[in-house]
Amino acid sequence: MMPGRPPARGRRTTGRKGDVRERAILDTCEALLAHKGYDAMTVGDVAQGAGITRGALYFYFGSKQEVVTALVARTVEHLWERSRATAQTDEPRQAIAAAMQRTVELWNEHGLVMRTAIDLSLTVPEIGELWKHTADLFIAAITAVLERAGIQAGTRPDQASAMARALCWMIERTFYHASQESRENLQEASETCEHIWLISAGLIT
């Protein structure tokens, strides 16, 4: 069964999807994460950067935490959309290569948001839920690839579901560290993860 989409982000109001002002708020938040970091960033900073008043920002989001949660939701939705082909491609090698390439692209573009999501996932319940759900989607996709490659379905250590879970969290942690260094390190990390995935699938020795 194909996993669903990431859950919609929580919001105080029901603004139109794709609202230009909302996008400006989230884009500003992402820029401020790079410039100031989550702890130093304020709602006032976000409002000023988006060219609106604090009151206008509160029409969309109730707090800095809500803004960051929405930014994480937008980013992981892109991650899932880019990697959906993993669970749909028939040929396992192509599926693995496509998934890793799309993951590299997103970490290159939004690595700071991804790291912020990981850092806050244990202390901000909404972000923790988003990140766990995203991981569950990828575990399901990796499981499907492993099963198509001939790995037995099941949850024992040598079966597809258990192997997929370990691969998912290995990839997350490897990309987390590599993205703090350089694009070259991120590409090398991706190639290593892809190699391990191929070995796990029995496609190379």
Protein backbone atom coordinates (compact mmCIF):
# COMPACT_ATOMS: atom_id res chain seq x y z
CA MET A 1 0.00 0.00 0.00
CA MET A 2 1.31 3.42 -0.91
CA PRO A 3 1.83 5.71 2.09
CA GLY A 4 -0.09 8.97 2.14
CA ARG A 5 1.06 12.55 2.16
CA PRO A 6 2.56 14.27 5.18
CA PRO A 7 -0.10 15.72 7.49
CA ALA A 8 -1.17 19.29 6.83
CA ARG A 9 0.53 21.81 9.07
CA GLY A 10 -1.47 23.31 11.89
CA ARG A 11 -2.47 26.96 11.60
CA ARG A 12 -4.60 29.36 13.58
CA THR A 13 -6.47 30.64 10.56
CA THR A 14 -7.69 29.31 7.25
CA GLY A 15 -5.74 31.41 4.79
CA ARG A 16 -5.69 30.42 1.14
CA LYS A 17 -3.19 27.78 0.18
CA GLY A 18 -0.26 29.33 -1.62
CA ASP A 19 -0.99 32.78 -0.20
CA VAL A 20 1.81 35.13 -1.26
CA ARG A 21 2.11 36.68 2.18
CA GLU A 22 2.32 33.30 3.87
CA ARG A 23 5.07 32.23 1.48
CA ALA A 24 6.95 35.44 2.28
CA ILE A 25 6.71 34.67 6.01
CA LEU A 26 8.07 31.16 5.53
CA ASP A 27 10.82 32.28 3.15
CA THR A 28 11.86 34.96 5.66
CA CYS A 29 11.87 32.39 8.46
CA GLU A 30 14.19 30.14 6.47
CA ALA A 31 16.57 33.04 5.78
CA LEU A 32 16.56 34.04 9.47
CA LEU A 33 17.38 30.49 10.54
CA ALA A 34 20.58 30.83 8.51
CA HIS A 35 21.33 34.35 9.74
CA LYS A 36 20.32 34.21 13.41
CA GLY A 37 19.30 30.67 14.30
CA TYR A 38 16.06 29.52 15.88
CA ASP A 39 16.74 30.71 19.43
CA ALA A 40 17.74 34.27 18.48
CA MET A 41 15.05 34.76 15.86
CA THR A 42 11.91 36.62 16.99
CA VAL A 43 8.41 37.06 15.62
CA GLY A 44 9.29 40.72 15.06
CA ASP A 45 12.26 39.70 12.92
CA VAL A 46 10.06 37.47 10.79
CA ALA A 47 7.39 40.14 10.37
CA GLN A 48 9.93 42.80 9.44
CA GLY A 49 11.67 40.55 6.95
CA ALA A 50 8.33 39.66 5.33
CA GLY A 51 7.39 43.34 5.10
CA ILE A 52 4.36 43.10 7.38
CA THR A 53 3.40 44.09 10.92
CA ARG A 54 3.46 41.70 13.88
CA GLY A 55 -0.32 41.87 13.94
CA ALA A 56 -0.52 40.80 10.31
CA LEU A 57 1.81 37.89 10.99
CA TYR A 58 -0.40 36.73 13.86
CA PHE A 59 -3.27 36.48 11.38
CA TYR A 60 -1.35 33.55 9.86
CA PHE A 61 0.65 32.09 12.75
CA GLY A 62 0.31 32.34 16.51
CA SER A 63 3.99 32.14 17.42
CA LYS A 64 7.53 31.70 16.18
CA GLN A 65 7.15 27.99 16.85
CA GLU A 66 4.12 27.82 14.57
CA VAL A 67 6.02 29.59 11.78
CA VAL A 68 8.93 27.16 12.03
CA THR A 69 6.56 24.19 12.19
CA ALA A 70 4.86 25.39 8.98
CA LEU A 71 8.26 25.84 7.33
CA VAL A 72 9.25 22.30 8.29
CA ALA A 73 5.92 21.00 6.95
CA ARG A 74 6.46 22.75 3.63
CA THR A 75 9.98 21.37 3.34
CA VAL A 76 9.18 17.75 4.18
CA GLU A 77 6.25 17.83 1.77
CA HIS A 78 8.73 18.77 -0.95
CA LEU A 79 10.97 15.95 0.21
CA TRP A 80 8.17 13.43 -0.08
CA GLU A 81 6.95 14.73 -3.44
CA ARG A 82 10.45 14.50 -4.87
CA SER A 83 10.97 10.98 -3.58
CA ARG A 84 7.54 9.52 -4.30
CA ALA A 85 9.00 7.71 -7.32
CA THR A 86 10.96 5.48 -4.94
CA ALA A 87 7.84 3.52 -4.05
CA GLN A 88 6.52 3.50 -7.63
CA THR A 89 9.56 2.62 -9.77
CA ASP A 90 9.68 -1.06 -10.66
CA GLU A 91 13.48 -1.41 -11.02
CA PRO A 92 15.10 -1.31 -7.54
CA ARG A 93 18.46 0.10 -8.64
CA GLN A 94 16.78 3.01 -10.42
CA ALA A 95 14.49 3.59 -7.44
CA ILE A 96 17.42 3.76 -5.02
CA ALA A 97 19.46 6.08 -7.25
CA ALA A 98 16.47 8.39 -7.80
CA ALA A 99 15.62 8.53 -4.10
CA MET A 100 19.17 9.38 -3.06
CA GLN A 101 19.58 12.03 -5.76
CA ARG A 102 16.35 13.77 -4.78
CA THR A 103 17.35 13.63 -1.13
CA VAL A 104 20.72 15.25 -1.92
CA GLU A 105 18.98 18.01 -3.87
CA LEU A 106 16.64 18.85 -1.01
CA TRP A 107 19.36 18.80 1.64
CA ASN A 108 21.46 21.10 -0.55
CA GLU A 109 18.53 23.51 -0.88
CA HIS A 110 17.01 23.27 2.61
CA GLY A 111 19.55 21.52 4.82
CA LEU A 112 19.25 24.11 7.58
CA VAL A 113 15.49 23.57 7.82
CA MET A 114 16.00 19.81 7.89
CA ARG A 115 18.57 20.08 10.69
CA THR A 116 16.30 22.46 12.62
CA ALA A 117 13.48 19.93 12.29
CA ILE A 118 15.70 17.19 13.69
CA ASP A 119 16.95 19.42 16.51
CA LEU A 120 13.43 20.48 17.54
CA SER A 121 11.68 17.15 16.98
CA LEU A 122 12.22 16.08 20.59
CA THR A 123 11.01 19.34 22.17
CA VAL A 124 8.32 20.63 19.79
CA PRO A 125 5.55 17.99 19.54
CA GLU A 126 4.16 19.26 16.23
CA ILE A 127 7.57 19.10 14.57
CA GLY A 128 8.27 15.74 16.16
CA GLU A 129 5.01 14.40 14.71
CA LEU A 130 5.80 15.78 11.25
CA TRP A 131 9.30 14.32 11.27
CA LYS A 132 8.14 10.92 12.50
CA HIS A 133 5.41 10.78 9.88
CA THR A 134 7.91 11.70 7.17
CA ALA A 135 10.25 8.97 8.38
CA ASP A 136 7.37 6.48 8.32
CA LEU A 137 6.67 7.41 4.68
CA PHE A 138 10.29 6.77 3.77
CA ILE A 139 10.45 3.53 5.72
CA ALA A 140 7.42 2.32 3.75
CA ALA A 141 9.05 3.37 0.47
CA ILE A 142 12.39 1.73 1.34
CA THR A 143 10.55 -1.40 2.42
CA ALA A 144 8.80 -1.57 -0.97
CA VAL A 145 12.13 -1.29 -2.79
CA LEU A 146 13.73 -4.00 -0.66
CA GLU A 147 10.81 -6.34 -1.22
CA ARG A 148 10.95 -5.79 -4.98
CA ALA A 149 14.65 -6.64 -4.81
CA GLY A 150 13.77 -9.98 -3.22
CA ILE A 151 14.13 -9.28 0.50
CA GLN A 152 11.50 -11.17 2.47
CA ALA A 153 8.66 -9.10 3.91
CA GLY A 154 8.51 -8.98 7.69
CA THR A 155 9.89 -7.37 10.82
CA ARG A 156 12.70 -9.76 11.77
CA PRO A 157 16.20 -8.26 11.63
CA ASP A 158 16.91 -9.83 8.23
CA GLN A 159 13.54 -8.84 6.73
CA ALA A 160 12.48 -5.81 4.75
CA SER A 161 10.64 -3.66 7.33
CA ALA A 162 13.35 -3.86 9.97
CA MET A 163 16.11 -3.24 7.43
CA ALA A 164 14.20 -0.28 5.97
CA ARG A 165 13.82 1.35 9.38
CA ALA A 166 17.56 1.08 10.05
CA LEU A 167 18.39 2.41 6.58
CA CYS A 168 16.03 5.38 7.00
CA TRP A 169 17.54 6.55 10.28
CA MET A 170 21.08 5.90 9.03
CA ILE A 171 20.40 8.15 6.04
CA GLU A 172 18.86 10.86 8.24
CA ARG A 173 21.81 11.01 10.62
CA THR A 174 24.42 10.76 7.86
CA PHE A 175 22.86 13.62 5.90
CA TYR A 176 22.44 15.69 9.08
CA HIS A 177 26.18 15.69 9.72
CA ALA A 178 27.34 15.89 6.10
CA SER A 179 25.10 18.88 5.34
CA GLN A 180 26.96 20.94 7.94
CA GLU A 181 30.23 20.48 6.07
CA SER A 182 30.00 20.92 2.29
CA ARG A 183 28.12 19.92 -0.83
CA GLU A 184 30.97 17.57 -1.66
CA ASN A 185 30.63 15.82 1.69
CA LEU A 186 26.88 15.59 1.19
CA GLN A 187 27.36 13.93 -2.19
CA GLU A 188 29.91 11.51 -0.76
CA ALA A 189 27.57 10.68 2.11
CA SER A 190 24.78 10.03 -0.37
CA GLU A 191 26.96 7.67 -2.38
CA THR A 192 27.88 5.77 0.78
CA CYS A 193 24.24 5.47 1.85
CA GLU A 194 23.27 4.33 -1.64
CA HIS A 195 26.02 1.69 -1.57
CA ILE A 196 24.82 0.36 1.80
CA TRP A 197 21.21 0.32 0.56
CA LEU A 198 22.25 -1.65 -2.54
CA ILE A 199 24.13 -4.15 -0.39
CA SER A 200 21.13 -4.48 1.93
CA ALA A 201 18.92 -5.15 -1.08
CA GLY A 202 21.29 -7.84 -2.29
CA LEU A 203 21.95 -5.95 -5.52
CA ILE A 204 25.71 -5.78 -5.03
CA THR A 205 28.17 -7.71 -2.88
